[in-house]
């Protein structure tokens, strides 16, 4: 799997998002298998997106596509996009623990009291 990150400024997030969503029908046939959108906490018009691809060739073809460039211009992308390509590696950090089964609580079975026991 190859993931690309794209960061750019847009004129208006709402207008850009409409254009991004409208381009969904184009993304899938161009090899996109997953995607997400993020906004900067300091500037909602500073947008970062990621897209997943099966191969680096599909990712590069997507980035170089004239259809993508036209869609970006139409939706209000103002800055030259910053684009980088990454690939997954082994997980690092804390090990994931296997979920532990809960043992059923043991209930203590009381013996029935003998008649007359405890009474004086």
PDB file of N, CA and C in Angstrom:
ATOM      1  N   UNK A   1       0.829  -1.177   0.000  1.00  0.00           N
ATOM      2  CA  UNK A   1       0.000   0.000   0.000  1.00  0.00           C
ATOM      3  C   UNK A   1       0.881   1.250   0.000  1.00  0.00           C
ATOM      4  N   UNK A   2       0.458   2.230  -0.743  1.00  0.00           N
ATOM      5  CA  UNK A   2       1.137   3.523  -0.791  1.00  0.00           C
ATOM      6  C   UNK A   2       0.127   4.588  -0.395  1.00  0.00           C
ATOM      7  N   UNK A   3       0.566   5.512   0.437  1.00  0.00           N
ATOM      8  CA  UNK A   3      -0.301   6.619   0.854  1.00  0.00           C
ATOM      9  C   UNK A   3       0.366   7.912   0.423  1.00  0.00           C
ATOM     10  N   UNK A   4      -0.455   8.819  -0.107  1.00  0.00           N
ATOM     11  CA  UNK A   4       0.053  10.158  -0.386  1.00  0.00           C
ATOM     12  C   UNK A   4      -0.624  11.134   0.560  1.00  0.00           C
ATOM     13  N   UNK A   5       0.138  12.119   0.980  1.00  0.00           N
ATOM     14  CA  UNK A   5      -0.392  13.235   1.758  1.00  0.00           C
ATOM     15  C   UNK A   5      -0.296  14.464   0.871  1.00  0.00           C
ATOM     16  N   UNK A   6      -1.341  15.265   0.904  1.00  0.00           N
ATOM     17  CA  UNK A   6      -1.371  16.494   0.112  1.00  0.00           C
ATOM     18  C   UNK A   6      -1.824  17.616   1.039  1.00  0.00           C
ATOM     19  N   UNK A   7      -1.024  18.670   1.117  1.00  0.00           N
ATOM     20  CA  UNK A   7      -1.384  19.824   1.949  1.00  0.00           C
ATOM     21  C   UNK A   7      -1.414  21.057   1.069  1.00  0.00           C
ATOM     22  N   UNK A   8      -2.478  21.844   1.230  1.00  0.00           N
ATOM     23  CA  UNK A   8      -2.594  23.080   0.473  1.00  0.00           C
ATOM     24  C   UNK A   8      -3.579  24.023   1.131  1.00  0.00           C
ATOM     25  N   UNK A   9      -3.493  25.286   0.739  1.00  0.00           N
ATOM     26  CA  UNK A   9      -4.439  26.317   1.195  1.00  0.00           C
ATOM     27  C   UNK A   9      -5.573  26.387   0.191  1.00  0.00           C
ATOM     28  N   UNK A  10      -6.779  26.619   0.711  1.00  0.00           N
ATOM     29  CA  UNK A  10      -7.947  26.774  -0.152  1.00  0.00           C
ATOM     30  C   UNK A  10      -8.602  28.123   0.152  1.00  0.00           C
ATOM     31  N   UNK A  11      -9.321  28.641  -0.819  1.00  0.00           N
ATOM     32  CA  UNK A  11      -9.962  29.944  -0.647  1.00  0.00           C
ATOM     33  C   UNK A  11     -11.082  29.875   0.389  1.00  0.00           C
ATOM     34  N   UNK A  12     -11.872  28.813   0.331  1.00  0.00           N
ATOM     35  CA  UNK A  12     -13.007  28.648   1.227  1.00  0.00           C
ATOM     36  C   UNK A  12     -13.228  27.154   1.434  1.00  0.00           C
ATOM     37  N   UNK A  13     -13.119  26.715   2.680  1.00  0.00           N
ATOM     38  CA  UNK A  13     -13.189  25.278   2.941  1.00  0.00           C
ATOM     39  C   UNK A  13     -14.495  24.657   2.456  1.00  0.00           C
ATOM     40  N   UNK A  14     -15.615  25.286   2.722  1.00  0.00           N
ATOM     41  CA  UNK A  14     -16.916  24.716   2.326  1.00  0.00           C
ATOM     42  C   UNK A  14     -17.003  24.518   0.811  1.00  0.00           C
ATOM     43  N   UNK A  15     -16.545  25.513   0.051  1.00  0.00           N
ATOM     44  CA  UNK A  15     -16.567  25.395  -1.408  1.00  0.00           C
ATOM     45  C   UNK A  15     -15.578  24.323  -1.867  1.00  0.00           C
ATOM     46  N   UNK A  16     -14.394  24.296  -1.247  1.00  0.00           N
ATOM     47  CA  UNK A  16     -13.413  23.275  -1.604  1.00  0.00           C
ATOM     48  C   UNK A  16     -13.950  21.889  -1.296  1.00  0.00           C
ATOM     49  N   UNK A  17     -14.594  21.731  -0.140  1.00  0.00           N
ATOM     50  CA  UNK A  17     -15.087  20.414   0.259  1.00  0.00           C
ATOM     51  C   UNK A  17     -16.156  19.897  -0.703  1.00  0.00           C
ATOM     52  N   UNK A  18     -16.998  20.796  -1.188  1.00  0.00           N
ATOM     53  CA  UNK A  18     -18.007  20.390  -2.164  1.00  0.00           C
ATOM     54  C   UNK A  18     -17.319  19.851  -3.419  1.00  0.00           C
ATOM     55  N   UNK A  19     -16.293  20.555  -3.895  1.00  0.00           N
ATOM     56  CA  UNK A  19     -15.552  20.097  -5.065  1.00  0.00           C
ATOM     57  C   UNK A  19     -14.843  18.775  -4.809  1.00  0.00           C
ATOM     58  N   UNK A  20     -14.291  18.631  -3.608  1.00  0.00           N
ATOM     59  CA  UNK A  20     -13.609  17.384  -3.243  1.00  0.00           C
ATOM     60  C   UNK A  20     -14.603  16.224  -3.248  1.00  0.00           C
ATOM     61  N   UNK A  21     -15.753  16.431  -2.632  1.00  0.00           N
ATOM     62  CA  UNK A  21     -16.767  15.374  -2.578  1.00  0.00           C
ATOM     63  C   UNK A  21     -17.319  15.049  -3.956  1.00  0.00           C
ATOM     64  N   UNK A  22     -17.467  16.059  -4.796  1.00  0.00           N
ATOM     65  CA  UNK A  22     -17.966  15.834  -6.160  1.00  0.00           C
ATOM     66  C   UNK A  22     -16.976  15.020  -6.994  1.00  0.00           C
ATOM     67  N   UNK A  23     -15.691  15.061  -6.637  1.00  0.00           N
ATOM     68  CA  UNK A  23     -14.655  14.342  -7.368  1.00  0.00           C
ATOM     69  C   UNK A  23     -14.571  12.864  -6.963  1.00  0.00           C
ATOM     70  N   UNK A  24     -15.382  12.450  -5.999  1.00  0.00           N
ATOM     71  CA  UNK A  24     -15.358  11.064  -5.513  1.00  0.00           C
ATOM     72  C   UNK A  24     -15.520  10.059  -6.639  1.00  0.00           C
ATOM     73  N   UNK A  25     -16.427  10.327  -7.562  1.00  0.00           N
ATOM     74  CA  UNK A  25     -16.668   9.383  -8.661  1.00  0.00           C
ATOM     75  C   UNK A  25     -15.442   9.236  -9.569  1.00  0.00           C
ATOM     76  N   UNK A  26     -14.561  10.199  -9.553  1.00  0.00           N
ATOM     77  CA  UNK A  26     -13.325  10.138 -10.349  1.00  0.00           C
ATOM     78  C   UNK A  26     -12.200   9.429  -9.590  1.00  0.00           C
ATOM     79  N   UNK A  27     -12.157   9.620  -8.273  1.00  0.00           N
ATOM     80  CA  UNK A  27     -11.046   9.082  -7.473  1.00  0.00           C
ATOM     81  C   UNK A  27     -10.952   7.569  -7.541  1.00  0.00           C
ATOM     82  N   UNK A  28     -12.058   6.885  -7.338  1.00  0.00           N
ATOM     83  CA  UNK A  28     -12.033   5.413  -7.297  1.00  0.00           C
ATOM     84  C   UNK A  28     -11.480   4.804  -8.594  1.00  0.00           C
ATOM     85  N   UNK A  29     -11.986   5.214  -9.769  1.00  0.00           N
ATOM     86  CA  UNK A  29     -11.429   4.648 -11.008  1.00  0.00           C
ATOM     87  C   UNK A  29      -9.951   5.003 -11.235  1.00  0.00           C
ATOM     88  N   UNK A  30      -9.477   6.044 -10.538  1.00  0.00           N
ATOM     89  CA  UNK A  30      -8.070   6.434 -10.670  1.00  0.00           C
ATOM     90  C   UNK A  30      -7.180   5.708  -9.666  1.00  0.00           C
ATOM     91  N   UNK A  31      -7.749   4.749  -8.931  1.00  0.00           N
ATOM     92  CA  UNK A  31      -6.950   3.912  -8.055  1.00  0.00           C
ATOM     93  C   UNK A  31      -6.981   4.220  -6.575  1.00  0.00           C
ATOM     94  N   UNK A  32      -7.750   5.219  -6.152  1.00  0.00           N
ATOM     95  CA  UNK A  32      -7.815   5.559  -4.729  1.00  0.00           C
ATOM     96  C   UNK A  32      -8.626   4.495  -3.991  1.00  0.00           C
ATOM     97  N   UNK A  33      -8.019   3.927  -2.951  1.00  0.00           N
ATOM     98  CA  UNK A  33      -8.706   2.886  -2.184  1.00  0.00           C
ATOM     99  C   UNK A  33      -9.179   3.372  -0.815  1.00  0.00           C
ATOM    100  N   UNK A  34      -8.722   4.533  -0.399  1.00  0.00           N
ATOM    101  CA  UNK A  34      -9.141   5.121   0.873  1.00  0.00           C
ATOM    102  C   UNK A  34      -8.677   6.558   0.928  1.00  0.00           C
ATOM    103  N   UNK A  35      -9.349   7.377   1.736  1.00  0.00           N
ATOM    104  CA  UNK A  35      -8.949   8.780   1.842  1.00  0.00           C
ATOM    105  C   UNK A  35      -9.530   9.402   3.098  1.00  0.00           C
ATOM    106  N   UNK A  36      -8.964  10.532   3.502  1.00  0.00           N
ATOM    107  CA  UNK A  36      -9.458  11.306   4.637  1.00  0.00           C
ATOM    108  C   UNK A  36      -9.037  12.753   4.459  1.00  0.00           C
ATOM    109  N   UNK A  37      -9.779  13.644   5.127  1.00  0.00           N
ATOM    110  CA  UNK A  37      -9.534  15.085   5.038  1.00  0.00           C
ATOM    111  C   UNK A  37      -9.324  15.644   6.438  1.00  0.00           C
ATOM    112  N   UNK A  38      -8.350  16.541   6.573  1.00  0.00           N
ATOM    113  CA  UNK A  38      -8.064  17.196   7.846  1.00  0.00           C
ATOM    114  C   UNK A  38      -7.926  18.697   7.617  1.00  0.00           C
ATOM    115  N   UNK A  39      -8.340  19.469   8.633  1.00  0.00           N
ATOM    116  CA  UNK A  39      -8.158  20.918   8.617  1.00  0.00           C
ATOM    117  C   UNK A  39      -7.228  21.295   9.754  1.00  0.00           C
ATOM    118  N   UNK A  40      -6.427  22.319   9.541  1.00  0.00           N
ATOM    119  CA  UNK A  40      -5.567  22.828  10.600  1.00  0.00           C
ATOM    120  C   UNK A  40      -6.439  23.398  11.720  1.00  0.00           C
ATOM    121  N   UNK A  41      -6.013  23.213  12.958  1.00  0.00           N
ATOM    122  CA  UNK A  41      -6.770  23.784  14.075  1.00  0.00           C
ATOM    123  C   UNK A  41      -6.640  25.301  14.116  1.00  0.00           C
ATOM    124  N   UNK A  42      -5.604  25.834  13.471  1.00  0.00           N
ATOM    125  CA  UNK A  42      -5.390  27.280  13.471  1.00  0.00           C
ATOM    126  C   UNK A  42      -5.970  27.979  12.253  1.00  0.00           C
ATOM    127  N   UNK A  43      -6.191  27.246  11.162  1.00  0.00           N
ATOM    128  CA  UNK A  43      -6.688  27.844   9.931  1.00  0.00           C
ATOM    129  C   UNK A  43      -7.515  26.804   9.172  1.00  0.00           C
ATOM    130  N   UNK A  44      -8.835  26.931   9.188  1.00  0.00           N
ATOM    131  CA  UNK A  44      -9.681  25.926   8.534  1.00  0.00           C
ATOM    132  C   UNK A  44      -9.485  25.834   7.021  1.00  0.00           C
ATOM    133  N   UNK A  45      -8.832  26.806   6.419  1.00  0.00           N
ATOM    134  CA  UNK A  45      -8.559  26.769   4.982  1.00  0.00           C
ATOM    135  C   UNK A  45      -7.189  26.164   4.659  1.00  0.00           C
ATOM    136  N   UNK A  46      -6.498  25.680   5.680  1.00  0.00           N
ATOM    137  CA  UNK A  46      -5.248  24.941   5.516  1.00  0.00           C
ATOM    138  C   UNK A  46      -5.638  23.466   5.617  1.00  0.00           C
ATOM    139  N   UNK A  47      -5.641  22.780   4.478  1.00  0.00           N
ATOM    140  CA  UNK A  47      -6.205  21.440   4.379  1.00  0.00           C
ATOM    141  C   UNK A  47      -5.117  20.416   4.059  1.00  0.00           C
ATOM    142  N   UNK A  48      -5.196  19.273   4.730  1.00  0.00           N
ATOM    143  CA  UNK A  48      -4.343  18.134   4.420  1.00  0.00           C
ATOM    144  C   UNK A  48      -5.249  16.940   4.142  1.00  0.00           C
ATOM    145  N   UNK A  49      -4.975  16.233   3.055  1.00  0.00           N
ATOM    146  CA  UNK A  49      -5.726  15.017   2.733  1.00  0.00           C
ATOM    147  C   UNK A  49      -4.735  13.881   2.538  1.00  0.00           C
ATOM    148  N   UNK A  50      -5.210  12.659   2.747  1.00  0.00           N
ATOM    149  CA  UNK A  50      -4.407  11.503   2.354  1.00  0.00           C
ATOM    150  C   UNK A  50      -5.250  10.611   1.480  1.00  0.00           C
ATOM    151  N   UNK A  51      -4.562   9.923   0.570  1.00  0.00           N
ATOM    152  CA  UNK A  51      -5.186   8.962  -0.334  1.00  0.00           C
ATOM    153  C   UNK A  51      -4.333   7.700  -0.360  1.00  0.00           C
ATOM    154  N   UNK A  52      -4.989   6.550  -0.314  1.00  0.00           N
ATOM    155  CA  UNK A  52      -4.288   5.271  -0.391  1.00  0.00           C
ATOM    156  C   UNK A  52      -4.407   4.680  -1.786  1.00  0.00           C
ATOM    157  N   UNK A  53      -3.349   3.960  -2.193  1.00  0.00           N
ATOM    158  CA  UNK A  53      -3.279   3.305  -3.505  1.00  0.00           C
ATOM    159  C   UNK A  53      -2.632   1.938  -3.336  1.00  0.00           C
ATOM    160  N   UNK A  54      -2.913   1.045  -4.252  1.00  0.00           N
ATOM    161  CA  UNK A  54      -2.290  -0.281  -4.233  1.00  0.00           C
ATOM    162  C   UNK A  54      -0.817  -0.208  -4.615  1.00  0.00           C
ATOM    163  N   UNK A  55      -0.455   0.713  -5.519  1.00  0.00           N
ATOM    164  CA  UNK A  55       0.928   0.808  -5.997  1.00  0.00           C
ATOM    165  C   UNK A  55       1.372   2.263  -6.089  1.00  0.00           C
ATOM    166  N   UNK A  56       2.679   2.456  -6.085  1.00  0.00           N
ATOM    167  CA  UNK A  56       3.225   3.796  -6.234  1.00  0.00           C
ATOM    168  C   UNK A  56       2.942   4.337  -7.642  1.00  0.00           C
ATOM    169  N   UNK A  57       2.875   3.444  -8.626  1.00  0.00           N
ATOM    170  CA  UNK A  57       2.590   3.883 -10.006  1.00  0.00           C
ATOM    171  C   UNK A  57       1.195   4.508 -10.085  1.00  0.00           C
ATOM    172  N   UNK A  58       0.226   3.883  -9.428  1.00  0.00           N
ATOM    173  CA  UNK A  58      -1.135   4.449  -9.434  1.00  0.00           C
ATOM    174  C   UNK A  58      -1.168   5.778  -8.697  1.00  0.00           C
ATOM    175  N   UNK A  59      -0.417   5.871  -7.614  1.00  0.00           N
ATOM    176  CA  UNK A  59      -0.370   7.120  -6.854  1.00  0.00           C
ATOM    177  C   UNK A  59       0.245   8.241  -7.688  1.00  0.00           C
ATOM    178  N   UNK A  60       1.327   7.941  -8.381  1.00  0.00           N
ATOM    179  CA  UNK A  60       1.979   8.962  -9.215  1.00  0.00           C
ATOM    180  C   UNK A  60       1.095   9.370 -10.394  1.00  0.00           C
ATOM    181  N   UNK A  61       0.399   8.406 -10.975  1.00  0.00           N
ATOM    182  CA  UNK A  61      -0.509   8.725 -12.087  1.00  0.00           C
ATOM    183  C   UNK A  61      -1.636   9.637 -11.604  1.00  0.00           C
ATOM    184  N   UNK A  62      -2.148   9.382 -10.415  1.00  0.00           N
ATOM    185  CA  UNK A  62      -3.212  10.218  -9.841  1.00  0.00           C
ATOM    186  C   UNK A  62      -2.721  11.648  -9.645  1.00  0.00           C
ATOM    187  N   UNK A  63      -1.549  11.785  -9.017  1.00  0.00           N
ATOM    188  CA  UNK A  63      -0.988  13.114  -8.746  1.00  0.00           C
ATOM    189  C   UNK A  63      -0.720  13.880 -10.040  1.00  0.00           C
ATOM    190  N   UNK A  64      -0.301  13.179 -11.095  1.00  0.00           N
ATOM    191  CA  UNK A  64       0.006  13.834 -12.363  1.00  0.00           C
ATOM    192  C   UNK A  64      -1.189  14.043 -13.272  1.00  0.00           C
ATOM    193  N   UNK A  65      -2.356  13.608 -12.849  1.00  0.00           N
ATOM    194  CA  UNK A  65      -3.556  13.677 -13.676  1.00  0.00           C
ATOM    195  C   UNK A  65      -4.035  15.110 -13.929  1.00  0.00           C
ATOM    196  N   UNK A  66      -4.321  15.407 -15.175  1.00  0.00           N
ATOM    197  CA  UNK A  66      -4.864  16.723 -15.508  1.00  0.00           C
ATOM    198  C   UNK A  66      -6.262  16.890 -14.919  1.00  0.00           C
ATOM    199  N   UNK A  67      -7.028  15.800 -14.840  1.00  0.00           N
ATOM    200  CA  UNK A  67      -8.380  15.881 -14.250  1.00  0.00           C
ATOM    201  C   UNK A  67      -8.295  16.320 -12.789  1.00  0.00           C
ATOM    202  N   UNK A  68      -7.315  15.794 -12.048  1.00  0.00           N
ATOM    203  CA  UNK A  68      -7.136  16.202 -10.660  1.00  0.00           C
ATOM    204  C   UNK A  68      -6.741  17.670 -10.582  1.00  0.00           C
ATOM    205  N   UNK A  69      -5.797  18.083 -11.404  1.00  0.00           N
ATOM    206  CA  UNK A  69      -5.349  19.482 -11.384  1.00  0.00           C
ATOM    207  C   UNK A  69      -6.496  20.433 -11.705  1.00  0.00           C
ATOM    208  N   UNK A  70      -7.337  20.073 -12.682  1.00  0.00           N
ATOM    209  CA  UNK A  70      -8.497  20.899 -13.031  1.00  0.00           C
ATOM    210  C   UNK A  70      -9.489  20.979 -11.874  1.00  0.00           C
ATOM    211  N   UNK A  71      -9.735  19.844 -11.221  1.00  0.00           N
ATOM    212  CA  UNK A  71     -10.672  19.808 -10.094  1.00  0.00           C
ATOM    213  C   UNK A  71     -10.152  20.652  -8.933  1.00  0.00           C
ATOM    214  N   UNK A  72      -8.847  20.591  -8.689  1.00  0.00           N
ATOM    215  CA  UNK A  72      -8.262  21.379  -7.604  1.00  0.00           C
ATOM    216  C   UNK A  72      -8.386  22.871  -7.888  1.00  0.00           C
ATOM    217  N   UNK A  73      -8.103  23.270  -9.110  1.00  0.00           N
ATOM    218  CA  UNK A  73      -8.211  24.688  -9.478  1.00  0.00           C
ATOM    219  C   UNK A  73      -9.667  25.154  -9.372  1.00  0.00           C
ATOM    220  N   UNK A  74     -10.574  24.341  -9.845  1.00  0.00           N
ATOM    221  CA  UNK A  74     -12.006  24.692  -9.829  1.00  0.00           C
ATOM    222  C   UNK A  74     -12.546  24.821  -8.401  1.00  0.00           C
ATOM    223  N   UNK A  75     -12.024  24.013  -7.483  1.00  0.00           N
ATOM    224  CA  UNK A  75     -12.544  24.039  -6.117  1.00  0.00           C
ATOM    225  C   UNK A  75     -11.878  25.089  -5.230  1.00  0.00           C
ATOM    226  N   UNK A  76     -10.908  25.828  -5.754  1.00  0.00           N
ATOM    227  CA  UNK A  76     -10.350  26.949  -5.000  1.00  0.00           C
ATOM    228  C   UNK A  76      -9.032  26.694  -4.297  1.00  0.00           C
ATOM    229  N   UNK A  77      -8.251  25.718  -4.752  1.00  0.00           N
ATOM    230  CA  UNK A  77      -6.919  25.516  -4.169  1.00  0.00           C
ATOM    231  C   UNK A  77      -6.067  26.719  -4.549  1.00  0.00           C
ATOM    232  N   UNK A  78      -5.485  27.364  -3.548  1.00  0.00           N
ATOM    233  CA  UNK A  78      -4.739  28.600  -3.791  1.00  0.00           C
ATOM    234  C   UNK A  78      -3.231  28.416  -3.846  1.00  0.00           C
ATOM    235  N   UNK A  79      -2.700  27.487  -3.059  1.00  0.00           N
ATOM    236  CA  UNK A  79      -1.253  27.334  -3.001  1.00  0.00           C
ATOM    237  C   UNK A  79      -0.815  26.119  -3.801  1.00  0.00           C
ATOM    238  N   UNK A  80       0.477  26.094  -4.093  1.00  0.00           N
ATOM    239  CA  UNK A  80       1.043  24.907  -4.723  1.00  0.00           C
ATOM    240  C   UNK A  80       0.983  23.792  -3.693  1.00  0.00           C
ATOM    241  N   UNK A  81       0.386  22.657  -4.032  1.00  0.00           N
ATOM    242  CA  UNK A  81       0.268  21.587  -3.044  1.00  0.00           C
ATOM    243  C   UNK A  81       1.622  21.007  -2.655  1.00  0.00           C
ATOM    244  N   UNK A  82       1.744  20.705  -1.385  1.00  0.00           N
ATOM    245  CA  UNK A  82       2.903  19.983  -0.871  1.00  0.00           C
ATOM    246  C   UNK A  82       2.477  18.517  -0.849  1.00  0.00           C
ATOM    247  N   UNK A  83       3.183  17.664  -1.576  1.00  0.00           N
ATOM    248  CA  UNK A  83       2.781  16.262  -1.731  1.00  0.00           C
ATOM    249  C   UNK A  83       3.930  15.358  -1.332  1.00  0.00           C
ATOM    250  N   UNK A  84       3.639  14.342  -0.527  1.00  0.00           N
ATOM    251  CA  UNK A  84       4.648  13.345  -0.219  1.00  0.00           C
ATOM    252  C   UNK A  84       4.037  11.954  -0.224  1.00  0.00           C
ATOM    253  N   UNK A  85       4.879  10.991  -0.573  1.00  0.00           N
ATOM    254  CA  UNK A  85       4.489   9.592  -0.733  1.00  0.00           C
ATOM    255  C   UNK A  85       5.111   8.785   0.409  1.00  0.00           C
ATOM    256  N   UNK A  86       4.333   7.888   0.999  1.00  0.00           N
ATOM    257  CA  UNK A  86       4.847   7.020   2.054  1.00  0.00           C
ATOM    258  C   UNK A  86       4.330   5.604   1.840  1.00  0.00           C
ATOM    259  N   UNK A  87       5.007   4.671   2.480  1.00  0.00           N
ATOM    260  CA  UNK A  87       4.547   3.287   2.460  1.00  0.00           C
ATOM    261  C   UNK A  87       4.580   2.767   3.878  1.00  0.00           C
ATOM    262  N   UNK A  88       3.722   1.815   4.179  1.00  0.00           N
ATOM    263  CA  UNK A  88       3.630   1.287   5.534  1.00  0.00           C
ATOM    264  C   UNK A  88       4.833   0.455   5.916  1.00  0.00           C
ATOM    265  N   UNK A  89       5.173   0.484   7.185  1.00  0.00           N
ATOM    266  CA  UNK A  89       6.229  -0.351   7.735  1.00  0.00           C
ATOM    267  C   UNK A  89       5.656  -1.071   8.947  1.00  0.00           C
ATOM    268  N   UNK A  90       6.463  -1.854   9.590  1.00  0.00           N
ATOM    269  CA  UNK A  90       6.011  -2.585  10.774  1.00  0.00           C
ATOM    270  C   UNK A  90       5.601  -1.608  11.861  1.00  0.00           C
ATOM    271  N   UNK A  91       4.626  -2.022  12.654  1.00  0.00           N
ATOM    272  CA  UNK A  91       4.179  -1.192  13.771  1.00  0.00           C
ATOM    273  C   UNK A  91       5.286  -1.060  14.798  1.00  0.00           C
ATOM    274  N   UNK A  92       5.355   0.110  15.382  1.00  0.00           N
ATOM    275  CA  UNK A  92       6.317   0.323  16.458  1.00  0.00           C
ATOM    276  C   UNK A  92       5.557   0.801  17.681  1.00  0.00           C
ATOM    277  N   UNK A  93       6.254   0.887  18.783  1.00  0.00           N
ATOM    278  CA  UNK A  93       5.611   1.375  19.995  1.00  0.00           C
ATOM    279  C   UNK A  93       5.090   0.236  20.843  1.00  0.00           C
ATOM    280  N   UNK A  94       4.133   0.558  21.664  1.00  0.00           N
ATOM    281  CA  UNK A  94       3.591  -0.419  22.607  1.00  0.00           C
ATOM    282  C   UNK A  94       2.966  -1.599  21.881  1.00  0.00           C
ATOM    283  N   UNK A  95       3.172  -2.757  22.458  1.00  0.00           N
ATOM    284  CA  UNK A  95       2.576  -3.959  21.883  1.00  0.00           C
ATOM    285  C   UNK A  95       1.090  -3.963  22.188  1.00  0.00           C
ATOM    286  N   UNK A  96       0.341  -4.469  21.247  1.00  0.00           N
ATOM    287  CA  UNK A  96      -1.096  -4.607  21.474  1.00  0.00           C
ATOM    288  C   UNK A  96      -1.315  -5.838  22.339  1.00  0.00           C
ATOM    289  N   UNK A  97      -2.132  -5.683  23.317  1.00  0.00           N
ATOM    290  CA  UNK A  97      -2.450  -6.808  24.186  1.00  0.00           C
ATOM    291  C   UNK A  97      -3.638  -7.559  23.632  1.00  0.00           C
ATOM    292  N   UNK A  98      -3.580  -8.852  23.820  1.00  0.00           N
ATOM    293  CA  UNK A  98      -4.727  -9.656  23.436  1.00  0.00           C
ATOM    294  C   UNK A  98      -5.825  -9.398  24.459  1.00  0.00           C
ATOM    295  N   UNK A  99      -7.049  -9.301  23.997  1.00  0.00           N
ATOM    296  CA  UNK A  99      -8.122  -9.106  24.972  1.00  0.00           C
ATOM    297  C   UNK A  99      -8.198 -10.325  25.887  1.00  0.00           C
ATOM    298  N   UNK A 100      -8.356 -10.069  27.147  1.00  0.00           N
ATOM    299  CA  UNK A 100      -8.437 -11.168  28.092  1.00  0.00           C
ATOM    300  C   UNK A 100      -9.886 -11.554  28.308  1.00  0.00           C
ATOM    301  N   UNK A 101     -10.071 -12.848  28.400  1.00  0.00           N
ATOM    302  CA  UNK A 101     -11.422 -13.325  28.667  1.00  0.00           C
ATOM    303  C   UNK A 101     -11.747 -13.072  30.125  1.00  0.00           C
ATOM    304  N   UNK A 102     -12.952 -12.658  30.327  1.00  0.00           N
ATOM    305  CA  UNK A 102     -13.399 -12.479  31.704  1.00  0.00           C
ATOM    306  C   UNK A 102     -13.869 -13.822  32.227  1.00  0.00           C
ATOM    307  N   UNK A 103     -13.392 -14.144  33.378  1.00  0.00           N
ATOM    308  CA  UNK A 103     -13.842 -15.372  33.998  1.00  0.00           C
ATOM    309  C   UNK A 103     -15.142 -15.085  34.734  1.00  0.00           C
ATOM    310  N   UNK A 104     -16.032 -16.030  34.639  1.00  0.00           N
ATOM    311  CA  UNK A 104     -17.292 -15.868  35.351  1.00  0.00           C
ATOM    312  C   UNK A 104     -17.002 -15.845  36.848  1.00  0.00           C
ATOM    313  N   UNK A 105     -17.649 -14.944  37.521  1.00  0.00           N
ATOM    314  CA  UNK A 105     -17.458 -14.839  38.953  1.00  0.00           C
ATOM    315  C   UNK A 105     -17.940 -16.122  39.622  1.00  0.00           C
ATOM    316  N   UNK A 106     -17.123 -16.622  40.503  1.00  0.00           N
ATOM    317  CA  UNK A 106     -17.526 -17.815  41.219  1.00  0.00           C
ATOM    318  C   UNK A 106     -18.491 -17.405  42.314  1.00  0.00           C
ATOM    319  N   UNK A 107     -19.570 -18.122  42.366  1.00  0.00           N
ATOM    320  CA  UNK A 107     -20.521 -17.842  43.432  1.00  0.00           C
ATOM    321  C   UNK A 107     -20.417 -18.943  44.465  1.00  0.00           C
ATOM    322  N   UNK A 108     -20.444 -18.555  45.656  1.00  0.00           N
ATOM    323  CA  UNK A 108     -20.336 -19.516  46.746  1.00  0.00           C
ATOM    324  C   UNK A 108     -21.733 -20.045  47.030  1.00  0.00           C
ATOM    325  N   UNK A 109     -21.807 -21.304  46.996  1.00  0.00           N
ATOM    326  CA  UNK A 109     -23.095 -21.929  47.240  1.00  0.00           C
ATOM    327  C   UNK A 109     -23.244 -22.163  48.739  1.00  0.00           C
ATOM    328  N   UNK A 110     -24.284 -21.632  49.274  1.00  0.00           N
ATOM    329  CA  UNK A 110     -24.509 -21.803  50.704  1.00  0.00           C
ATOM    330  C   UNK A 110     -25.289 -23.069  50.960  1.00  0.00           C
ATOM    331  N   UNK A 111     -24.883 -23.708  51.984  1.00  0.00           N
ATOM    332  CA  UNK A 111     -25.622 -24.888  52.409  1.00  0.00           C
ATOM    333  C   UNK A 111     -26.861 -24.416  53.156  1.00  0.00           C
ATOM    334  N   UNK A 112     -27.938 -25.093  52.897  1.00  0.00           N
ATOM    335  CA  UNK A 112     -29.149 -24.683  53.631  1.00  0.00           C
ATOM    336  C   UNK A 112     -28.951 -24.895  55.141  1.00  0.00           C
ATOM    337  N   UNK A 113     -29.445 -23.971  55.893  1.00  0.00           N
ATOM    338  CA  UNK A 113     -29.314 -24.058  57.357  1.00  0.00           C
ATOM    339  C   UNK A 113     -30.183 -25.216  57.879  1.00  0.00           C
ATOM    340  N   UNK A 114     -29.670 -25.843  58.899  1.00  0.00           N
ATOM    341  CA  UNK A 114     -30.414 -26.916  59.537  1.00  0.00           C
ATOM    342  C   UNK A 114     -31.547 -26.295  60.341  1.00  0.00           C
ATOM    343  N   UNK A 115     -32.625 -27.000  60.366  1.00  0.00           N
ATOM    344  CA  UNK A 115     -33.756 -26.512  61.147  1.00  0.00           C
ATOM    345  C   UNK A 115     -33.350 -26.369  62.590  1.00  0.00           C
ATOM    346  N   UNK A 116     -33.684 -25.232  63.098  1.00  0.00           N
ATOM    347  CA  UNK A 116     -33.436 -24.993  64.499  1.00  0.00           C
ATOM    348  C   UNK A 116     -32.015 -24.530  64.793  1.00  0.00           C
ATOM    349  N   UNK A 117     -31.154 -24.557  63.801  1.00  0.00           N
ATOM    350  CA  UNK A 117     -29.766 -24.127  64.024  1.00  0.00           C
ATOM    351  C   UNK A 117     -29.747 -22.620  64.182  1.00  0.00           C
ATOM    352  N   UNK A 118     -28.992 -22.149  65.087  1.00  0.00           N
ATOM    353  CA  UNK A 118     -28.836 -20.724  65.280  1.00  0.00           C
ATOM    354  C   UNK A 118     -29.916 -20.136  66.165  1.00  0.00           C
ATOM    355  N   UNK A 119     -30.916 -20.899  66.495  1.00  0.00           N
ATOM    356  CA  UNK A 119     -31.960 -20.385  67.377  1.00  0.00           C
ATOM    357  C   UNK A 119     -31.748 -20.939  68.782  1.00  0.00           C
ATOM    358  N   UNK A 120     -31.948 -20.161  69.733  1.00  0.00           N
ATOM    359  CA  UNK A 120     -31.811 -20.636  71.106  1.00  0.00           C
ATOM    360  C   UNK A 120     -33.033 -20.335  71.870  1.00  0.00           C
TER     361      UNK A 120
END
